[in-house]
């Protein structure tokens, strides 16, 4: 995935050319849900090979203290 596109994934509705059915809102929505309870998404990509989306959940033990 090109770096310019990677930087926009969680901020703007971005679709990949040639892929059907997506509007680009999925990662934005998921990240906002994660942020609503203290987490976030991280997107990493090795251009031409793979893209990984990691869901980082908040540490619940800290919240209980």
PDB file of N, CA and C in Angstrom:
ATOM      1  N   UNK A   1       0.855  -1.173   0.000  1.00  0.00           N
ATOM      2  CA  UNK A   1       0.000   0.000   0.000  1.00  0.00           C
ATOM      3  C   UNK A   1       0.902   1.238   0.000  1.00  0.00           C
ATOM      4  N   UNK A   2       0.642   2.190  -0.862  1.00  0.00           N
ATOM      5  CA  UNK A   2       1.459   3.398  -0.915  1.00  0.00           C
ATOM      6  C   UNK A   2       1.406   4.175   0.407  1.00  0.00           C
ATOM      7  N   UNK A   3       2.536   4.733   0.856  1.00  0.00           N
ATOM      8  CA  UNK A   3       2.565   5.479   2.129  1.00  0.00           C
ATOM      9  C   UNK A   3       1.550   6.612   2.205  1.00  0.00           C
ATOM     10  N   UNK A   4       1.308   7.324   1.113  1.00  0.00           N
ATOM     11  CA  UNK A   4       0.340   8.428   1.137  1.00  0.00           C
ATOM     12  C   UNK A   4      -1.063   7.911   1.461  1.00  0.00           C
ATOM     13  N   UNK A   5      -1.416   6.759   0.952  1.00  0.00           N
ATOM     14  CA  UNK A   5      -2.715   6.156   1.226  1.00  0.00           C
ATOM     15  C   UNK A   5      -2.762   5.626   2.657  1.00  0.00           C
ATOM     16  N   UNK A   6      -1.699   5.015   3.096  1.00  0.00           N
ATOM     17  CA  UNK A   6      -1.623   4.461   4.454  1.00  0.00           C
ATOM     18  C   UNK A   6      -1.850   5.544   5.505  1.00  0.00           C
ATOM     19  N   UNK A   7      -1.308   6.728   5.286  1.00  0.00           N
ATOM     20  CA  UNK A   7      -1.455   7.831   6.241  1.00  0.00           C
ATOM     21  C   UNK A   7      -2.880   8.350   6.337  1.00  0.00           C
ATOM     22  N   UNK A   8      -3.714   8.073   5.337  1.00  0.00           N
ATOM     23  CA  UNK A   8      -5.092   8.584   5.314  1.00  0.00           C
ATOM     24  C   UNK A   8      -6.127   7.563   5.762  1.00  0.00           C
ATOM     25  N   UNK A   9      -5.770   6.298   5.889  1.00  0.00           N
ATOM     26  CA  UNK A   9      -6.748   5.229   6.107  1.00  0.00           C
ATOM     27  C   UNK A   9      -7.675   5.438   7.298  1.00  0.00           C
ATOM     28  N   UNK A  10      -7.167   5.953   8.390  1.00  0.00           N
ATOM     29  CA  UNK A  10      -7.979   6.106   9.599  1.00  0.00           C
ATOM     30  C   UNK A  10      -8.622   7.487   9.707  1.00  0.00           C
ATOM     31  N   UNK A  11      -8.383   8.335   8.708  1.00  0.00           N
ATOM     32  CA  UNK A  11      -8.902   9.700   8.744  1.00  0.00           C
ATOM     33  C   UNK A  11      -9.908  10.007   7.650  1.00  0.00           C
ATOM     34  N   UNK A  12      -9.676   9.486   6.449  1.00  0.00           N
ATOM     35  CA  UNK A  12     -10.515   9.788   5.288  1.00  0.00           C
ATOM     36  C   UNK A  12     -11.082   8.498   4.707  1.00  0.00           C
ATOM     37  N   UNK A  13     -12.277   8.554   4.129  1.00  0.00           N
ATOM     38  CA  UNK A  13     -12.798   7.365   3.454  1.00  0.00           C
ATOM     39  C   UNK A  13     -12.010   7.098   2.171  1.00  0.00           C
ATOM     40  N   UNK A  14     -11.207   6.048   2.201  1.00  0.00           N
ATOM     41  CA  UNK A  14     -10.317   5.715   1.094  1.00  0.00           C
ATOM     42  C   UNK A  14     -10.688   4.337   0.570  1.00  0.00           C
ATOM     43  N   UNK A  15     -10.837   4.210  -0.744  1.00  0.00           N
ATOM     44  CA  UNK A  15     -11.064   2.901  -1.349  1.00  0.00           C
ATOM     45  C   UNK A  15      -9.904   2.583  -2.276  1.00  0.00           C
ATOM     46  N   UNK A  16      -9.666   1.316  -2.465  1.00  0.00           N
ATOM     47  CA  UNK A  16      -8.607   0.873  -3.372  1.00  0.00           C
ATOM     48  C   UNK A  16      -9.214   0.711  -4.760  1.00  0.00           C
ATOM     49  N   UNK A  17      -8.539   1.184  -5.776  1.00  0.00           N
ATOM     50  CA  UNK A  17      -9.024   1.050  -7.151  1.00  0.00           C
ATOM     51  C   UNK A  17      -9.159  -0.419  -7.513  1.00  0.00           C
ATOM     52  N   UNK A  18     -10.258  -0.757  -8.173  1.00  0.00           N
ATOM     53  CA  UNK A  18     -10.461  -2.110  -8.645  1.00  0.00           C
ATOM     54  C   UNK A  18     -11.126  -3.033  -7.642  1.00  0.00           C
ATOM     55  N   UNK A  19     -11.431  -2.562  -6.448  1.00  0.00           N
ATOM     56  CA  UNK A  19     -12.105  -3.405  -5.467  1.00  0.00           C
ATOM     57  C   UNK A  19     -13.556  -2.971  -5.361  1.00  0.00           C
ATOM     58  N   UNK A  20     -14.451  -3.941  -5.357  1.00  0.00           N
ATOM     59  CA  UNK A  20     -15.879  -3.636  -5.347  1.00  0.00           C
ATOM     60  C   UNK A  20     -16.462  -3.711  -3.942  1.00  0.00           C
ATOM     61  N   UNK A  21     -17.482  -2.920  -3.704  1.00  0.00           N
ATOM     62  CA  UNK A  21     -18.268  -3.046  -2.492  1.00  0.00           C
ATOM     63  C   UNK A  21     -17.814  -2.228  -1.309  1.00  0.00           C
ATOM     64  N   UNK A  22     -16.641  -1.668  -1.323  1.00  0.00           N
ATOM     65  CA  UNK A  22     -16.165  -0.903  -0.172  1.00  0.00           C
ATOM     66  C   UNK A  22     -16.325   0.584  -0.380  1.00  0.00           C
ATOM     67  N   UNK A  23     -16.647   1.274   0.709  1.00  0.00           N
ATOM     68  CA  UNK A  23     -16.791   2.731   0.629  1.00  0.00           C
ATOM     69  C   UNK A  23     -15.640   3.448   1.324  1.00  0.00           C
ATOM     70  N   UNK A  24     -14.804   2.697   2.055  1.00  0.00           N
ATOM     71  CA  UNK A  24     -13.672   3.301   2.732  1.00  0.00           C
ATOM     72  C   UNK A  24     -13.945   3.731   4.162  1.00  0.00           C
ATOM     73  N   UNK A  25     -15.157   3.520   4.651  1.00  0.00           N
ATOM     74  CA  UNK A  25     -15.509   3.959   6.004  1.00  0.00           C
ATOM     75  C   UNK A  25     -15.219   2.912   7.075  1.00  0.00           C
ATOM     76  N   UNK A  26     -14.950   1.679   6.706  1.00  0.00           N
ATOM     77  CA  UNK A  26     -14.808   0.586   7.668  1.00  0.00           C
ATOM     78  C   UNK A  26     -13.728   0.803   8.713  1.00  0.00           C
ATOM     79  N   UNK A  27     -12.506   1.136   8.285  1.00  0.00           N
ATOM     80  CA  UNK A  27     -11.417   1.338   9.241  1.00  0.00           C
ATOM     81  C   UNK A  27     -11.635   2.585  10.087  1.00  0.00           C
ATOM     82  N   UNK A  28     -12.221   3.611   9.502  1.00  0.00           N
ATOM     83  CA  UNK A  28     -12.519   4.833  10.263  1.00  0.00           C
ATOM     84  C   UNK A  28     -13.511   4.510  11.374  1.00  0.00           C
ATOM     85  N   UNK A  29     -14.574   3.793  11.039  1.00  0.00           N
ATOM     86  CA  UNK A  29     -15.585   3.417  12.034  1.00  0.00           C
ATOM     87  C   UNK A  29     -14.974   2.547  13.134  1.00  0.00           C
ATOM     88  N   UNK A  30     -14.215   1.528  12.733  1.00  0.00           N
ATOM     89  CA  UNK A  30     -13.593   0.639  13.727  1.00  0.00           C
ATOM     90  C   UNK A  30     -12.664   1.403  14.655  1.00  0.00           C
ATOM     91  N   UNK A  31     -11.877   2.313  14.107  1.00  0.00           N
ATOM     92  CA  UNK A  31     -10.957   3.088  14.939  1.00  0.00           C
ATOM     93  C   UNK A  31     -11.721   3.979  15.913  1.00  0.00           C
ATOM     94  N   UNK A  32     -12.818   4.573  15.469  1.00  0.00           N
ATOM     95  CA  UNK A  32     -13.613   5.434  16.361  1.00  0.00           C
ATOM     96  C   UNK A  32     -14.245   4.624  17.489  1.00  0.00           C
ATOM     97  N   UNK A  33     -14.692   3.413  17.180  1.00  0.00           N
ATOM     98  CA  UNK A  33     -15.241   2.545  18.223  1.00  0.00           C
ATOM     99  C   UNK A  33     -14.141   2.205  19.224  1.00  0.00           C
ATOM    100  N   UNK A  34     -12.961   1.844  18.733  1.00  0.00           N
ATOM    101  CA  UNK A  34     -11.847   1.518  19.623  1.00  0.00           C
ATOM    102  C   UNK A  34     -11.477   2.728  20.494  1.00  0.00           C
ATOM    103  N   UNK A  35     -11.426   3.914  19.891  1.00  0.00           N
ATOM    104  CA  UNK A  35     -11.087   5.125  20.632  1.00  0.00           C
ATOM    105  C   UNK A  35     -12.120   5.450  21.700  1.00  0.00           C
ATOM    106  N   UNK A  36     -13.376   5.082  21.464  1.00  0.00           N
ATOM    107  CA  UNK A  36     -14.440   5.415  22.412  1.00  0.00           C
ATOM    108  C   UNK A  36     -14.232   4.744  23.769  1.00  0.00           C
ATOM    109  N   UNK A  37     -13.484   3.648  23.821  1.00  0.00           N
ATOM    110  CA  UNK A  37     -13.193   3.035  25.115  1.00  0.00           C
ATOM    111  C   UNK A  37     -11.700   2.939  25.399  1.00  0.00           C
ATOM    112  N   UNK A  38     -10.913   3.825  24.766  1.00  0.00           N
ATOM    113  CA  UNK A  38      -9.510   3.966  25.116  1.00  0.00           C
ATOM    114  C   UNK A  38      -8.523   3.170  24.289  1.00  0.00           C
ATOM    115  N   UNK A  39      -8.956   2.542  23.220  1.00  0.00           N
ATOM    116  CA  UNK A  39      -8.053   1.783  22.361  1.00  0.00           C
ATOM    117  C   UNK A  39      -7.794   2.518  21.057  1.00  0.00           C
ATOM    118  N   UNK A  40      -7.157   1.839  20.122  1.00  0.00           N
ATOM    119  CA  UNK A  40      -6.928   2.401  18.797  1.00  0.00           C
ATOM    120  C   UNK A  40      -6.493   1.308  17.832  1.00  0.00           C
ATOM    121  N   UNK A  41      -6.513   1.631  16.547  1.00  0.00           N
ATOM    122  CA  UNK A  41      -6.008   0.747  15.512  1.00  0.00           C
ATOM    123  C   UNK A  41      -4.638   1.231  15.073  1.00  0.00           C
ATOM    124  N   UNK A  42      -3.816   0.289  14.622  1.00  0.00           N
ATOM    125  CA  UNK A  42      -2.528   0.624  14.014  1.00  0.00           C
ATOM    126  C   UNK A  42      -2.476  -0.121  12.684  1.00  0.00           C
ATOM    127  N   UNK A  43      -2.148   0.587  11.618  1.00  0.00           N
ATOM    128  CA  UNK A  43      -2.069  -0.011  10.292  1.00  0.00           C
ATOM    129  C   UNK A  43      -0.624   0.064   9.824  1.00  0.00           C
ATOM    130  N   UNK A  44      -0.077  -1.096   9.462  1.00  0.00           N
ATOM    131  CA  UNK A  44       1.288  -1.173   8.950  1.00  0.00           C
ATOM    132  C   UNK A  44       1.234  -1.864   7.598  1.00  0.00           C
ATOM    133  N   UNK A  45       2.077  -1.431   6.670  1.00  0.00           N
ATOM    134  CA  UNK A  45       2.062  -2.029   5.348  1.00  0.00           C
ATOM    135  C   UNK A  45       3.472  -2.119   4.791  1.00  0.00           C
ATOM    136  N   UNK A  46       3.748  -3.252   4.178  1.00  0.00           N
ATOM    137  CA  UNK A  46       4.972  -3.431   3.418  1.00  0.00           C
ATOM    138  C   UNK A  46       4.526  -3.389   1.960  1.00  0.00           C
ATOM    139  N   UNK A  47       4.846  -2.297   1.283  1.00  0.00           N
ATOM    140  CA  UNK A  47       4.302  -2.049  -0.053  1.00  0.00           C
ATOM    141  C   UNK A  47       4.564  -3.231  -0.982  1.00  0.00           C
ATOM    142  N   UNK A  48       3.486  -3.698  -1.592  1.00  0.00           N
ATOM    143  CA  UNK A  48       3.568  -4.811  -2.521  1.00  0.00           C
ATOM    144  C   UNK A  48       3.512  -6.182  -1.880  1.00  0.00           C
ATOM    145  N   UNK A  49       3.522  -6.247  -0.547  1.00  0.00           N
ATOM    146  CA  UNK A  49       3.515  -7.550   0.131  1.00  0.00           C
ATOM    147  C   UNK A  49       2.280  -7.765   0.991  1.00  0.00           C
ATOM    148  N   UNK A  50       2.147  -6.975   2.048  1.00  0.00           N
ATOM    149  CA  UNK A  50       1.059  -7.213   2.992  1.00  0.00           C
ATOM    150  C   UNK A  50       0.716  -5.943   3.758  1.00  0.00           C
ATOM    151  N   UNK A  51      -0.483  -5.964   4.331  1.00  0.00           N
ATOM    152  CA  UNK A  51      -0.934  -4.898   5.216  1.00  0.00           C
ATOM    153  C   UNK A  51      -1.495  -5.547   6.465  1.00  0.00           C
ATOM    154  N   UNK A  52      -1.117  -5.028   7.630  1.00  0.00           N
ATOM    155  CA  UNK A  52      -1.566  -5.571   8.908  1.00  0.00           C
ATOM    156  C   UNK A  52      -2.291  -4.487   9.690  1.00  0.00           C
ATOM    157  N   UNK A  53      -3.483  -4.824  10.193  1.00  0.00           N
ATOM    158  CA  UNK A  53      -4.232  -3.923  11.058  1.00  0.00           C
ATOM    159  C   UNK A  53      -4.230  -4.546  12.449  1.00  0.00           C
ATOM    160  N   UNK A  54      -3.723  -3.806  13.430  1.00  0.00           N
ATOM    161  CA  UNK A  54      -3.645  -4.281  14.806  1.00  0.00           C
ATOM    162  C   UNK A  54      -4.638  -3.511  15.665  1.00  0.00           C
ATOM    163  N   UNK A  55      -5.431  -4.246  16.439  1.00  0.00           N
ATOM    164  CA  UNK A  55      -6.378  -3.624  17.362  1.00  0.00           C
ATOM    165  C   UNK A  55      -5.717  -3.555  18.734  1.00  0.00           C
ATOM    166  N   UNK A  56      -5.495  -2.354  19.235  1.00  0.00           N
ATOM    167  CA  UNK A  56      -4.876  -2.152  20.543  1.00  0.00           C
ATOM    168  C   UNK A  56      -5.957  -1.795  21.551  1.00  0.00           C
ATOM    169  N   UNK A  57      -6.248  -2.740  22.438  1.00  0.00           N
ATOM    170  CA  UNK A  57      -7.270  -2.547  23.461  1.00  0.00           C
ATOM    171  C   UNK A  57      -6.649  -1.914  24.698  1.00  0.00           C
ATOM    172  N   UNK A  58      -7.417  -1.129  25.459  1.00  0.00           N
ATOM    173  CA  UNK A  58      -6.876  -0.517  26.677  1.00  0.00           C
ATOM    174  C   UNK A  58      -6.590  -1.585  27.726  1.00  0.00           C
ATOM    175  N   UNK A  59      -5.675  -1.267  28.615  1.00  0.00           N
ATOM    176  CA  UNK A  59      -5.330  -2.164  29.708  1.00  0.00           C
ATOM    177  C   UNK A  59      -6.400  -2.036  30.788  1.00  0.00           C
ATOM    178  N   UNK A  60      -7.250  -3.043  30.921  1.00  0.00           N
ATOM    179  CA  UNK A  60      -8.353  -2.984  31.867  1.00  0.00           C
ATOM    180  C   UNK A  60      -7.893  -3.023  33.325  1.00  0.00           C
ATOM    181  N   UNK A  61      -6.743  -3.626  33.584  1.00  0.00           N
ATOM    182  CA  UNK A  61      -6.225  -3.670  34.958  1.00  0.00           C
ATOM    183  C   UNK A  61      -5.948  -2.265  35.486  1.00  0.00           C
ATOM    184  N   UNK A  62      -5.447  -1.373  34.643  1.00  0.00           N
ATOM    185  CA  UNK A  62      -5.170  -0.001  35.069  1.00  0.00           C
ATOM    186  C   UNK A  62      -6.461   0.726  35.422  1.00  0.00           C
ATOM    187  N   UNK A  63      -7.538   0.456  34.685  1.00  0.00           N
ATOM    188  CA  UNK A  63      -8.802   1.143  34.910  1.00  0.00           C
ATOM    189  C   UNK A  63      -9.460   0.715  36.205  1.00  0.00           C
ATOM    190  N   UNK A  64      -9.234  -0.513  36.649  1.00  0.00           N
ATOM    191  CA  UNK A  64      -9.853  -1.016  37.881  1.00  0.00           C
ATOM    192  C   UNK A  64      -9.220  -0.422  39.128  1.00  0.00           C
ATOM    193  N   UNK A  65      -7.964  -0.017  39.028  1.00  0.00           N
ATOM    194  CA  UNK A  65      -7.230   0.485  40.195  1.00  0.00           C
ATOM    195  C   UNK A  65      -7.728   1.823  40.664  1.00  0.00           C
TER     196      UNK A  65
END
